[in-house]
Amino acid sequence: MLFLDKVEQLTKTNRLTSGFINRAMQMLSQQHPDIGGLYCCTLGASLEYPQATGDKWMQIIHDGSNHWVLASKGFSETDRDHVMVYDSSAGDFSEWECDHVVSCMSSLLKTFEKEMMYIIKSCQQQGNGYDCGVFAIAFATSLANGTDPATLLYNPDTMRTHLDSCMKSGVLLPFPSTTSRIKRFRKDAVKQVPLYCYLQNNRLQFDERR
């Protein structure tokens, strides 16, 4: 179960729970007050995210199963009108789809537009089944510090040690990485979905129909 309030001890193979994710986002919010979003991740379970404010925002989102991804908007000229998705376990980007993550992004946008366009970024992929939360935090930290995670290659052997050190110090620093010199064989995937917005019980909800 990933929805736990407390920050559990980081081991070599445990999946990060909501307590850990929330603490990381809290640290980023304190260090980068100009960045919107970074809400409690458990709000996504019932699509109760407030509207993300500011010129740029980010949010680590749980996919409703057993996986964390990062969604962001406004960090470059190319994503002013699109939501960017950084998923370390996306597989074939062109086939990527997750209704719950898209619903969460819609909730954050609170838009009355008929369609939403988002881009699955060609970012580094995890080499196991439990590092998604670590990568999501690494992606968010790089982006908050002005670097597109899609251009970086992180060292999986040091990511958890770095994260543990940051948690203990109370300051979330960029993860050790190098500029990726390898052209990723998967390109960014541009997606567009129709959004039907309606008000119910004084709350904006989204019914997505493909």
N, C-alpha and C. Protein backbone atom coordinates (compact mmCIF):
# COMPACT_ATOMS: atom_id res chain seq x y z
N MET A 1 0.85 -1.20 0.00
CA MET A 1 0.00 0.00 0.00
C MET A 1 0.88 1.24 0.00
N LEU A 2 0.72 2.11 -1.00
CA LEU A 2 1.60 3.26 -1.12
C LEU A 2 1.09 4.50 -0.40
N PHE A 3 -0.17 4.51 0.05
CA PHE A 3 -0.71 5.69 0.70
C PHE A 3 -0.51 5.61 2.20
N LEU A 4 0.63 6.08 2.68
CA LEU A 4 0.97 6.13 4.09
C LEU A 4 1.46 7.54 4.41
N ASP A 5 1.06 8.07 5.58
CA ASP A 5 1.39 9.45 5.92
C ASP A 5 2.85 9.61 6.35
N LYS A 6 3.38 8.65 7.03
CA LYS A 6 4.73 8.80 7.58
C LYS A 6 5.78 8.56 6.51
N VAL A 7 6.97 9.15 6.76
CA VAL A 7 8.11 8.95 5.86
C VAL A 7 8.85 7.71 6.36
N GLU A 8 8.73 6.63 5.60
CA GLU A 8 9.35 5.39 6.02
C GLU A 8 10.84 5.38 5.71
N GLN A 9 11.56 4.54 6.38
CA GLN A 9 13.00 4.42 6.15
C GLN A 9 13.26 3.95 4.72
N LEU A 10 14.23 4.59 4.09
CA LEU A 10 14.56 4.24 2.72
C LEU A 10 15.51 3.06 2.70
N THR A 11 15.11 2.00 1.99
CA THR A 11 15.96 0.83 1.85
C THR A 11 16.45 0.76 0.41
N LYS A 12 17.13 -0.31 0.07
CA LYS A 12 17.66 -0.45 -1.28
C LYS A 12 16.59 -0.78 -2.31
N THR A 13 15.46 -1.34 -1.85
CA THR A 13 14.47 -1.83 -2.82
C THR A 13 13.02 -1.46 -2.50
N ASN A 14 12.76 -0.70 -1.45
CA ASN A 14 11.35 -0.43 -1.14
C ASN A 14 10.77 0.63 -2.07
N ARG A 15 9.47 0.49 -2.36
CA ARG A 15 8.77 1.50 -3.13
C ARG A 15 8.46 2.69 -2.22
N LEU A 16 8.56 3.88 -2.76
CA LEU A 16 8.28 5.06 -1.96
C LEU A 16 6.78 5.21 -1.75
N THR A 17 6.39 5.48 -0.52
CA THR A 17 4.98 5.68 -0.19
C THR A 17 4.63 7.16 -0.30
N SER A 18 3.35 7.47 -0.11
CA SER A 18 2.89 8.85 -0.24
C SER A 18 3.57 9.76 0.77
N GLY A 19 3.87 9.27 1.97
CA GLY A 19 4.54 10.09 2.96
C GLY A 19 5.88 10.58 2.47
N PHE A 20 6.62 9.71 1.81
CA PHE A 20 7.93 10.07 1.28
C PHE A 20 7.79 11.06 0.13
N ILE A 21 6.86 10.79 -0.77
CA ILE A 21 6.62 11.67 -1.91
C ILE A 21 6.18 13.05 -1.44
N ASN A 22 5.27 13.09 -0.47
CA ASN A 22 4.78 14.37 0.03
C ASN A 22 5.89 15.18 0.70
N ARG A 23 6.75 14.50 1.44
CA ARG A 23 7.87 15.21 2.09
C ARG A 23 8.79 15.81 1.04
N ALA A 24 9.07 15.08 -0.02
CA ALA A 24 9.93 15.60 -1.08
C ALA A 24 9.28 16.81 -1.76
N MET A 25 7.98 16.74 -2.03
CA MET A 25 7.31 17.86 -2.67
C MET A 25 7.23 19.07 -1.73
N GLN A 26 7.07 18.81 -0.43
CA GLN A 26 7.07 19.90 0.55
C GLN A 26 8.42 20.62 0.55
N MET A 27 9.49 19.86 0.49
CA MET A 27 10.82 20.45 0.45
C MET A 27 11.01 21.28 -0.82
N LEU A 28 10.57 20.76 -1.96
CA LEU A 28 10.68 21.51 -3.21
C LEU A 28 9.86 22.79 -3.16
N SER A 29 8.68 22.71 -2.58
CA SER A 29 7.81 23.89 -2.48
C SER A 29 8.45 24.96 -1.61
N GLN A 30 9.10 24.56 -0.54
CA GLN A 30 9.77 25.52 0.34
C GLN A 30 10.99 26.13 -0.33
N GLN A 31 11.71 25.33 -1.10
CA GLN A 31 12.92 25.81 -1.76
C GLN A 31 12.62 26.61 -3.02
N HIS A 32 11.45 26.33 -3.64
CA HIS A 32 11.09 27.00 -4.91
C HIS A 32 9.65 27.51 -4.81
N PRO A 33 9.42 28.55 -4.02
CA PRO A 33 8.05 29.03 -3.79
C PRO A 33 7.36 29.57 -5.04
N ASP A 34 8.12 29.79 -6.12
CA ASP A 34 7.53 30.28 -7.36
C ASP A 34 6.88 29.18 -8.18
N ILE A 35 7.08 27.93 -7.78
CA ILE A 35 6.53 26.80 -8.52
C ILE A 35 5.20 26.38 -7.91
N GLY A 36 4.17 26.30 -8.74
CA GLY A 36 2.85 25.90 -8.26
C GLY A 36 2.70 24.39 -8.20
N GLY A 37 1.51 23.94 -7.82
CA GLY A 37 1.27 22.50 -7.67
C GLY A 37 1.94 21.99 -6.41
N LEU A 38 2.57 20.82 -6.50
CA LEU A 38 3.24 20.19 -5.36
C LEU A 38 2.28 19.99 -4.20
N TYR A 39 1.07 19.55 -4.52
CA TYR A 39 0.05 19.30 -3.52
C TYR A 39 0.21 17.90 -2.92
N CYS A 40 -0.49 17.66 -1.83
CA CYS A 40 -0.51 16.33 -1.23
C CYS A 40 -0.95 15.32 -2.29
N CYS A 41 -0.14 14.31 -2.51
CA CYS A 41 -0.41 13.38 -3.62
C CYS A 41 -1.66 12.55 -3.42
N THR A 42 -2.11 12.39 -2.18
CA THR A 42 -3.29 11.55 -1.94
C THR A 42 -4.57 12.22 -2.45
N LEU A 43 -4.53 13.53 -2.73
CA LEU A 43 -5.70 14.20 -3.29
C LEU A 43 -6.06 13.64 -4.66
N GLY A 44 -5.07 13.06 -5.32
CA GLY A 44 -5.33 12.53 -6.64
C GLY A 44 -6.22 11.31 -6.65
N ALA A 45 -6.29 10.61 -5.53
CA ALA A 45 -7.12 9.40 -5.48
C ALA A 45 -8.57 9.71 -5.77
N SER A 46 -9.04 10.90 -5.33
CA SER A 46 -10.44 11.30 -5.56
C SER A 46 -10.53 12.49 -6.50
N LEU A 47 -9.43 12.78 -7.22
CA LEU A 47 -9.39 13.89 -8.18
C LEU A 47 -9.76 15.21 -7.52
N GLU A 48 -9.23 15.46 -6.34
CA GLU A 48 -9.55 16.67 -5.59
C GLU A 48 -8.39 17.66 -5.56
N TYR A 49 -7.50 17.58 -6.52
CA TYR A 49 -6.43 18.56 -6.58
C TYR A 49 -7.00 19.96 -6.78
N PRO A 50 -6.50 20.97 -6.06
CA PRO A 50 -6.86 22.35 -6.38
C PRO A 50 -6.26 22.71 -7.74
N GLN A 51 -6.73 23.80 -8.32
CA GLN A 51 -6.16 24.24 -9.58
C GLN A 51 -4.71 24.65 -9.35
N ALA A 52 -3.81 24.16 -10.18
CA ALA A 52 -2.41 24.54 -10.08
C ALA A 52 -2.25 25.98 -10.55
N THR A 53 -1.62 26.81 -9.73
CA THR A 53 -1.51 28.22 -10.05
C THR A 53 -0.07 28.58 -10.42
N GLY A 54 0.09 29.77 -10.98
CA GLY A 54 1.41 30.24 -11.35
C GLY A 54 1.75 29.92 -12.79
N ASP A 55 2.84 30.53 -13.27
CA ASP A 55 3.26 30.32 -14.65
C ASP A 55 3.80 28.91 -14.87
N LYS A 56 4.29 28.30 -13.81
CA LYS A 56 4.80 26.93 -13.93
C LYS A 56 4.42 26.13 -12.69
N TRP A 57 4.11 24.86 -12.93
CA TRP A 57 3.73 23.99 -11.82
C TRP A 57 4.19 22.57 -12.09
N MET A 58 4.24 21.79 -11.02
CA MET A 58 4.57 20.37 -11.16
C MET A 58 3.83 19.58 -10.08
N GLN A 59 3.65 18.30 -10.34
CA GLN A 59 2.97 17.43 -9.39
C GLN A 59 3.41 15.99 -9.61
N ILE A 60 3.83 15.33 -8.55
CA ILE A 60 4.09 13.89 -8.61
C ILE A 60 2.76 13.19 -8.39
N ILE A 61 2.39 12.33 -9.32
CA ILE A 61 1.05 11.72 -9.35
C ILE A 61 1.16 10.20 -9.24
N HIS A 62 0.29 9.64 -8.44
CA HIS A 62 0.18 8.18 -8.35
C HIS A 62 -0.80 7.72 -9.42
N ASP A 63 -0.48 6.63 -10.10
CA ASP A 63 -1.30 6.22 -11.25
C ASP A 63 -2.53 5.40 -10.88
N GLY A 64 -2.76 5.22 -9.58
CA GLY A 64 -3.91 4.44 -9.15
C GLY A 64 -3.61 2.96 -9.04
N SER A 65 -2.39 2.58 -9.37
CA SER A 65 -2.00 1.18 -9.28
C SER A 65 -0.79 1.04 -8.36
N ASN A 66 0.40 1.14 -8.89
CA ASN A 66 1.59 0.97 -8.07
C ASN A 66 2.77 1.75 -8.64
N HIS A 67 2.48 2.98 -9.12
CA HIS A 67 3.50 3.69 -9.89
C HIS A 67 3.36 5.19 -9.72
N TRP A 68 4.51 5.90 -9.73
CA TRP A 68 4.55 7.35 -9.62
C TRP A 68 5.09 7.96 -10.92
N VAL A 69 4.50 9.09 -11.34
CA VAL A 69 4.99 9.83 -12.49
C VAL A 69 5.01 11.31 -12.13
N LEU A 70 5.73 12.09 -12.92
CA LEU A 70 5.76 13.54 -12.73
C LEU A 70 5.04 14.23 -13.88
N ALA A 71 4.15 15.15 -13.54
CA ALA A 71 3.49 16.00 -14.55
C ALA A 71 3.93 17.44 -14.29
N SER A 72 4.13 18.20 -15.36
CA SER A 72 4.57 19.59 -15.19
C SER A 72 4.06 20.44 -16.33
N LYS A 73 4.11 21.75 -16.12
CA LYS A 73 3.68 22.69 -17.16
C LYS A 73 4.38 24.03 -16.94
N GLY A 74 4.83 24.62 -18.04
CA GLY A 74 5.34 25.98 -18.00
C GLY A 74 6.82 26.16 -17.77
N PHE A 75 7.61 25.09 -17.85
CA PHE A 75 9.03 25.20 -17.55
C PHE A 75 9.89 25.53 -18.76
N SER A 76 9.30 25.58 -19.93
CA SER A 76 10.02 25.98 -21.13
C SER A 76 9.02 26.56 -22.12
N GLU A 77 9.55 27.19 -23.14
CA GLU A 77 8.67 27.79 -24.14
C GLU A 77 7.81 26.75 -24.84
N THR A 78 8.34 25.54 -24.97
CA THR A 78 7.62 24.50 -25.71
C THR A 78 6.48 23.89 -24.90
N ASP A 79 6.49 24.07 -23.57
CA ASP A 79 5.42 23.44 -22.78
C ASP A 79 4.50 24.45 -22.14
N ARG A 80 4.43 25.67 -22.69
CA ARG A 80 3.51 26.66 -22.16
C ARG A 80 2.06 26.22 -22.34
N ASP A 81 1.79 25.51 -23.43
CA ASP A 81 0.42 25.11 -23.73
C ASP A 81 0.19 23.61 -23.58
N HIS A 82 1.20 22.90 -23.09
CA HIS A 82 1.08 21.46 -22.95
C HIS A 82 1.49 21.01 -21.55
N VAL A 83 0.93 19.93 -21.11
CA VAL A 83 1.39 19.30 -19.87
C VAL A 83 2.44 18.26 -20.26
N MET A 84 3.55 18.27 -19.55
CA MET A 84 4.62 17.31 -19.80
C MET A 84 4.52 16.17 -18.78
N VAL A 85 4.71 14.94 -19.23
CA VAL A 85 4.68 13.77 -18.36
C VAL A 85 6.04 13.09 -18.42
N TYR A 86 6.67 12.96 -17.25
CA TYR A 86 7.94 12.25 -17.13
C TYR A 86 7.66 10.94 -16.41
N ASP A 87 7.77 9.85 -17.15
CA ASP A 87 7.43 8.52 -16.62
C ASP A 87 8.63 7.60 -16.82
N SER A 88 9.19 7.11 -15.72
CA SER A 88 10.41 6.28 -15.81
C SER A 88 10.10 4.84 -16.18
N SER A 89 8.82 4.52 -16.39
CA SER A 89 8.46 3.16 -16.78
C SER A 89 7.38 3.19 -17.84
N ALA A 90 7.58 4.05 -18.83
CA ALA A 90 6.53 4.28 -19.83
C ALA A 90 6.49 3.22 -20.92
N GLY A 91 7.59 2.46 -21.07
CA GLY A 91 7.61 1.47 -22.13
C GLY A 91 7.60 2.16 -23.49
N ASP A 92 6.69 1.75 -24.35
CA ASP A 92 6.53 2.37 -25.66
C ASP A 92 5.76 3.68 -25.47
N PHE A 93 6.46 4.82 -25.59
CA PHE A 93 5.84 6.10 -25.32
C PHE A 93 4.62 6.35 -26.21
N SER A 94 4.68 5.86 -27.45
CA SER A 94 3.57 6.11 -28.37
C SER A 94 2.30 5.39 -27.93
N GLU A 95 2.46 4.34 -27.12
CA GLU A 95 1.30 3.58 -26.65
C GLU A 95 0.90 3.96 -25.24
N TRP A 96 1.57 4.96 -24.65
CA TRP A 96 1.32 5.32 -23.26
C TRP A 96 -0.09 5.82 -23.07
N GLU A 97 -0.75 5.33 -22.05
CA GLU A 97 -2.02 5.89 -21.62
C GLU A 97 -2.31 5.45 -20.20
N CYS A 98 -2.81 6.37 -19.42
CA CYS A 98 -3.21 6.08 -18.05
C CYS A 98 -4.34 7.03 -17.70
N ASP A 99 -5.54 6.52 -17.71
CA ASP A 99 -6.72 7.36 -17.51
C ASP A 99 -6.66 8.14 -16.20
N HIS A 100 -6.16 7.48 -15.15
CA HIS A 100 -6.15 8.16 -13.86
C HIS A 100 -5.17 9.32 -13.84
N VAL A 101 -3.99 9.15 -14.41
CA VAL A 101 -3.01 10.24 -14.46
C VAL A 101 -3.56 11.39 -15.30
N VAL A 102 -4.19 11.08 -16.43
CA VAL A 102 -4.78 12.12 -17.26
C VAL A 102 -5.89 12.85 -16.51
N SER A 103 -6.68 12.11 -15.74
CA SER A 103 -7.73 12.74 -14.94
C SER A 103 -7.13 13.67 -13.89
N CYS A 104 -6.03 13.25 -13.29
CA CYS A 104 -5.36 14.10 -12.29
C CYS A 104 -4.83 15.37 -12.95
N MET A 105 -4.26 15.25 -14.13
CA MET A 105 -3.76 16.43 -14.84
C MET A 105 -4.91 17.37 -15.18
N SER A 106 -6.04 16.80 -15.57
CA SER A 106 -7.22 17.61 -15.87
C SER A 106 -7.70 18.34 -14.63
N SER A 107 -7.66 17.65 -13.49
CA SER A 107 -8.07 18.26 -12.23
C SER A 107 -7.16 19.42 -11.87
N LEU A 108 -5.86 19.27 -12.12
CA LEU A 108 -4.91 20.34 -11.83
C LEU A 108 -5.09 21.54 -12.76
N LEU A 109 -5.45 21.27 -14.01
CA LEU A 109 -5.64 22.35 -14.98
C LEU A 109 -6.94 23.11 -14.73
N LYS A 110 -7.99 22.39 -14.34
CA LYS A 110 -9.32 22.99 -14.16
C LYS A 110 -9.69 23.84 -15.38
N THR A 111 -9.52 23.27 -16.54
CA THR A 111 -9.79 24.00 -17.76
C THR A 111 -11.17 23.68 -18.32
N PHE A 112 -11.76 24.67 -18.96
CA PHE A 112 -13.03 24.43 -19.64
C PHE A 112 -12.81 24.23 -21.14
N GLU A 113 -11.54 24.08 -21.52
CA GLU A 113 -11.26 23.76 -22.92
C GLU A 113 -11.80 22.36 -23.24
N LYS A 114 -12.11 22.14 -24.48
CA LYS A 114 -12.68 20.85 -24.87
C LYS A 114 -11.63 19.76 -24.97
N GLU A 115 -10.36 20.17 -25.14
CA GLU A 115 -9.30 19.19 -25.30
C GLU A 115 -8.08 19.57 -24.47
N MET A 116 -7.32 18.58 -24.12
CA MET A 116 -6.06 18.80 -23.43
C MET A 116 -4.96 18.08 -24.19
N MET A 117 -3.85 18.78 -24.41
CA MET A 117 -2.72 18.16 -25.09
C MET A 117 -1.61 17.95 -24.07
N TYR A 118 -1.03 16.77 -24.09
CA TYR A 118 0.09 16.50 -23.19
C TYR A 118 1.15 15.71 -23.95
N ILE A 119 2.38 15.74 -23.42
CA ILE A 119 3.51 15.13 -24.09
C ILE A 119 4.21 14.16 -23.13
N ILE A 120 4.38 12.92 -23.56
CA ILE A 120 5.14 11.93 -22.80
C ILE A 120 6.60 12.11 -23.16
N LYS A 121 7.38 12.60 -22.21
CA LYS A 121 8.78 12.93 -22.50
C LYS A 121 9.65 11.67 -22.56
N SER A 122 10.60 11.71 -23.46
CA SER A 122 11.54 10.61 -23.61
C SER A 122 12.64 10.75 -22.56
N CYS A 123 12.37 10.24 -21.39
CA CYS A 123 13.29 10.38 -20.26
C CYS A 123 13.89 9.01 -19.90
N GLN A 124 14.84 9.04 -18.98
CA GLN A 124 15.50 7.80 -18.56
C GLN A 124 14.49 6.83 -17.94
N GLN A 125 14.66 5.55 -18.25
CA GLN A 125 13.77 4.52 -17.74
C GLN A 125 14.43 3.74 -16.60
N GLN A 126 13.66 3.43 -15.60
CA GLN A 126 14.17 2.68 -14.45
C GLN A 126 14.50 1.26 -14.87
N GLY A 127 15.44 0.65 -14.17
CA GLY A 127 15.85 -0.71 -14.53
C GLY A 127 15.29 -1.76 -13.62
N ASN A 128 14.28 -1.40 -12.82
CA ASN A 128 13.66 -2.35 -11.91
C ASN A 128 12.20 -1.98 -11.69
N GLY A 129 11.54 -2.66 -10.79
CA GLY A 129 10.12 -2.42 -10.57
C GLY A 129 9.79 -1.60 -9.34
N TYR A 130 10.79 -0.92 -8.76
CA TYR A 130 10.52 -0.22 -7.50
C TYR A 130 11.12 1.19 -7.42
N ASP A 131 11.78 1.68 -8.43
CA ASP A 131 12.45 2.98 -8.35
C ASP A 131 11.64 4.14 -8.95
N CYS A 132 10.38 3.92 -9.28
CA CYS A 132 9.60 4.97 -9.94
C CYS A 132 9.50 6.24 -9.09
N GLY A 133 9.30 6.08 -7.78
CA GLY A 133 9.19 7.24 -6.90
C GLY A 133 10.49 8.02 -6.82
N VAL A 134 11.60 7.30 -6.77
CA VAL A 134 12.92 7.93 -6.73
C VAL A 134 13.15 8.73 -8.00
N PHE A 135 12.83 8.15 -9.15
CA PHE A 135 13.00 8.85 -10.41
C PHE A 135 12.06 10.05 -10.50
N ALA A 136 10.83 9.91 -10.03
CA ALA A 136 9.89 11.02 -10.08
C ALA A 136 10.42 12.21 -9.28
N ILE A 137 11.00 11.94 -8.11
CA ILE A 137 11.58 13.00 -7.29
C ILE A 137 12.81 13.59 -7.98
N ALA A 138 13.64 12.74 -8.58
CA ALA A 138 14.82 13.21 -9.30
C ALA A 138 14.41 14.11 -10.46
N PHE A 139 13.39 13.68 -11.23
CA PHE A 139 12.90 14.48 -12.34
C PHE A 139 12.42 15.85 -11.84
N ALA A 140 11.62 15.84 -10.77
CA ALA A 140 11.06 17.09 -10.23
C ALA A 140 12.16 18.02 -9.74
N THR A 141 13.17 17.46 -9.08
CA THR A 141 14.26 18.27 -8.55
C THR A 141 15.06 18.91 -9.67
N SER A 142 15.36 18.15 -10.71
CA SER A 142 16.08 18.71 -11.86
C SER A 142 15.28 19.83 -12.51
N LEU A 143 14.01 19.58 -12.72
CA LEU A 143 13.15 20.57 -13.38
C LEU A 143 13.05 21.84 -12.54
N ALA A 144 12.92 21.69 -11.23
CA ALA A 144 12.82 22.84 -10.34
C ALA A 144 14.09 23.68 -10.37
N ASN A 145 15.21 23.03 -10.67
CA ASN A 145 16.50 23.73 -10.71
C ASN A 145 16.90 24.13 -12.12
N GLY A 146 15.95 24.08 -13.04
CA GLY A 146 16.16 24.65 -14.36
C GLY A 146 16.70 23.73 -15.43
N THR A 147 16.69 22.42 -15.18
CA THR A 147 17.20 21.47 -16.18
C THR A 147 16.13 20.47 -16.57
N ASP A 148 15.94 20.28 -17.85
CA ASP A 148 14.97 19.30 -18.34
C ASP A 148 15.49 17.89 -18.05
N PRO A 149 14.75 17.10 -17.27
CA PRO A 149 15.20 15.74 -16.96
C PRO A 149 15.42 14.86 -18.19
N ALA A 150 14.76 15.20 -19.29
CA ALA A 150 14.90 14.40 -20.50
C ALA A 150 16.31 14.51 -21.09
N THR A 151 17.07 15.50 -20.65
CA THR A 151 18.43 15.68 -21.17
C THR A 151 19.48 15.06 -20.27
N LEU A 152 19.04 14.43 -19.17
CA LEU A 152 19.98 13.93 -18.17
C LEU A 152 20.01 12.41 -18.10
N LEU A 153 21.14 11.90 -17.65
CA LEU A 153 21.30 10.49 -17.36
C LEU A 153 21.71 10.36 -15.90
N TYR A 154 20.82 9.80 -15.09
CA TYR A 154 21.06 9.66 -13.65
C TYR A 154 21.81 8.36 -13.38
N ASN A 155 22.52 8.35 -12.27
CA ASN A 155 23.23 7.14 -11.85
C ASN A 155 22.35 6.37 -10.87
N PRO A 156 21.73 5.28 -11.30
CA PRO A 156 20.82 4.53 -10.43
C PRO A 156 21.48 4.03 -9.15
N ASP A 157 22.80 3.82 -9.19
CA ASP A 157 23.49 3.27 -8.03
C ASP A 157 23.63 4.27 -6.89
N THR A 158 23.49 5.56 -7.19
CA THR A 158 23.66 6.59 -6.16
C THR A 158 22.38 7.34 -5.83
N MET A 159 21.31 7.07 -6.56
CA MET A 159 20.09 7.87 -6.40
C MET A 159 19.48 7.75 -5.00
N ARG A 160 19.40 6.55 -4.48
CA ARG A 160 18.79 6.36 -3.17
C ARG A 160 19.68 6.92 -2.05
N THR A 161 20.97 6.76 -2.17
CA THR A 161 21.88 7.32 -1.18
C THR A 161 21.76 8.84 -1.16
N HIS A 162 21.69 9.42 -2.35
CA HIS A 162 21.53 10.88 -2.46
C HIS A 162 20.21 11.34 -1.85
N LEU A 163 19.13 10.63 -2.19
CA LEU A 163 17.82 11.00 -1.67
C LEU A 163 17.78 10.89 -0.15
N ASP A 164 18.35 9.84 0.41
CA ASP A 164 18.38 9.66 1.85
C ASP A 164 19.15 10.80 2.52
N SER A 165 20.26 11.20 1.92
CA SER A 165 21.06 12.29 2.45
C SER A 165 20.28 13.60 2.43
N CYS A 166 19.54 13.84 1.34
CA CYS A 166 18.74 15.06 1.23
C CYS A 166 17.63 15.09 2.27
N MET A 167 16.99 13.95 2.48
CA MET A 167 15.91 13.88 3.47
C MET A 167 16.43 14.19 4.87
N LYS A 168 17.60 13.71 5.16
CA LYS A 168 18.18 13.93 6.49
C LYS A 168 18.64 15.38 6.68
N SER A 169 19.09 16.01 5.58
CA SER A 169 19.56 17.39 5.67
C SER A 169 18.43 18.40 5.57
N GLY A 170 17.30 17.98 5.00
CA GLY A 170 16.17 18.88 4.82
C GLY A 170 16.26 19.75 3.58
N VAL A 171 17.23 19.48 2.72
CA VAL A 171 17.40 20.24 1.48
C VAL A 171 17.49 19.26 0.31
N LEU A 172 16.60 19.43 -0.65
CA LEU A 172 16.57 18.52 -1.79
C LEU A 172 17.43 19.09 -2.91
N LEU A 173 18.57 18.48 -3.15
CA LEU A 173 19.53 18.93 -4.16
C LEU A 173 19.40 18.08 -5.42
N PRO A 174 19.82 18.63 -6.57
CA PRO A 174 19.77 17.85 -7.82
C PRO A 174 20.53 16.54 -7.67
N PHE A 175 19.98 15.50 -8.27
CA PHE A 175 20.58 14.17 -8.18
C PHE A 175 21.81 14.09 -9.09
N PRO A 176 22.81 13.31 -8.69
CA PRO A 176 24.00 13.15 -9.53
C PRO A 176 23.59 12.67 -10.93
N SER A 177 24.07 13.36 -11.94
CA SER A 177 23.69 13.02 -13.31
C SER A 177 24.72 13.58 -14.27
N THR A 178 24.65 13.11 -15.49
CA THR A 178 25.45 13.65 -16.58
C THR A 178 24.51 13.98 -17.72
N THR A 179 24.96 14.85 -18.60
CA THR A 179 24.17 15.15 -19.78
C THR A 179 24.14 13.94 -20.69
N SER A 180 22.95 13.52 -21.06
CA SER A 180 22.83 12.33 -21.89
C SER A 180 23.37 12.60 -23.28
N ARG A 181 24.40 11.84 -23.67
CA ARG A 181 24.98 11.97 -25.00
C ARG A 181 24.42 10.92 -25.96
N ILE A 182 23.58 10.06 -25.40
CA ILE A 182 23.00 9.00 -26.21
C ILE A 182 21.63 9.44 -26.71
N LYS A 183 21.42 9.41 -27.98
CA LYS A 183 20.12 9.77 -28.54
C LYS A 183 19.12 8.67 -28.21
N ARG A 184 18.09 9.05 -27.47
CA ARG A 184 17.10 8.06 -27.07
C ARG A 184 16.34 7.57 -28.31
N PHE A 185 16.18 6.25 -28.38
CA PHE A 185 15.54 5.70 -29.57
C PHE A 185 14.04 5.93 -29.55
N ARG A 186 13.50 6.32 -28.39
CA ARG A 186 12.09 6.65 -28.31
C ARG A 186 11.92 8.16 -28.29
N LYS A 187 11.08 8.68 -29.13
CA LYS A 187 10.84 10.10 -29.19
C LYS A 187 9.68 10.47 -28.29
N ASP A 188 9.59 11.77 -27.97
CA ASP A 188 8.46 12.25 -27.20
C ASP A 188 7.17 11.89 -27.94
N ALA A 189 6.15 11.55 -27.16
CA ALA A 189 4.86 11.20 -27.75
C ALA A 189 3.84 12.28 -27.40
N VAL A 190 3.25 12.88 -28.41
CA VAL A 190 2.25 13.92 -28.21
C VAL A 190 0.86 13.29 -28.18
N LYS A 191 0.12 13.60 -27.12
CA LYS A 191 -1.22 13.02 -26.96
C LYS A 191 -2.24 14.15 -26.84
N GLN A 192 -3.44 13.87 -27.30
CA GLN A 192 -4.53 14.83 -27.18
C GLN A 192 -5.80 14.09 -26.80
N VAL A 193 -6.46 14.58 -25.76
CA VAL A 193 -7.67 13.90 -25.30
C VAL A 193 -8.81 14.91 -25.17
N PRO A 194 -10.03 14.50 -25.50
CA PRO A 194 -11.19 15.37 -25.29
C PRO A 194 -11.57 15.38 -23.82
N LEU A 195 -11.95 16.53 -23.33
CA LEU A 195 -12.34 16.66 -21.92
C LEU A 195 -13.74 17.23 -21.84
N TYR A 196 -14.59 16.54 -21.12
CA TYR A 196 -15.95 17.00 -20.91
C TYR A 196 -16.08 17.41 -19.45
N CYS A 197 -16.21 18.70 -19.23
CA CYS A 197 -16.20 19.22 -17.87
C CYS A 197 -17.64 19.45 -17.41
N TYR A 198 -17.86 19.19 -16.13
CA TYR A 198 -19.18 19.47 -15.58
C TYR A 198 -19.05 19.70 -14.09
N LEU A 199 -19.98 20.44 -13.55
CA LEU A 199 -19.99 20.73 -12.13
C LEU A 199 -20.95 19.79 -11.41
N GLN A 200 -20.48 19.24 -10.33
CA GLN A 200 -21.32 18.35 -9.54
C GLN A 200 -20.90 18.47 -8.09
N ASN A 201 -21.89 18.68 -7.21
CA ASN A 201 -21.62 18.83 -5.78
C ASN A 201 -20.61 19.95 -5.52
N ASN A 202 -20.75 21.06 -6.31
CA ASN A 202 -19.90 22.24 -6.16
C ASN A 202 -18.42 21.93 -6.39
N ARG A 203 -18.13 20.93 -7.14
CA ARG A 203 -16.74 20.58 -7.43
C ARG A 203 -16.61 20.29 -8.91
N LEU A 204 -15.56 20.83 -9.52
CA LEU A 204 -15.34 20.58 -10.93
C LEU A 204 -14.79 19.18 -11.11
N GLN A 205 -15.46 18.41 -11.94
CA GLN A 205 -15.01 17.06 -12.20
C GLN A 205 -14.85 16.89 -13.69
N PHE A 206 -14.20 15.84 -14.07
CA PHE A 206 -13.92 15.61 -15.47
C PHE A 206 -14.30 14.20 -15.85
N ASP A 207 -15.10 14.13 -16.90
CA ASP A 207 -15.45 12.84 -17.46
C ASP A 207 -14.70 12.71 -18.76
N GLU A 208 -13.76 11.82 -18.84
CA GLU A 208 -12.94 11.67 -20.04
C GLU A 208 -13.54 10.58 -20.92
N ARG A 209 -13.71 10.91 -22.15
CA ARG A 209 -14.24 9.93 -23.10
C ARG A 209 -13.33 9.90 -24.29
N ARG A 210 -12.84 8.74 -24.61
CA ARG A 210 -11.89 8.63 -25.71
C ARG A 210 -12.66 8.31 -26.99
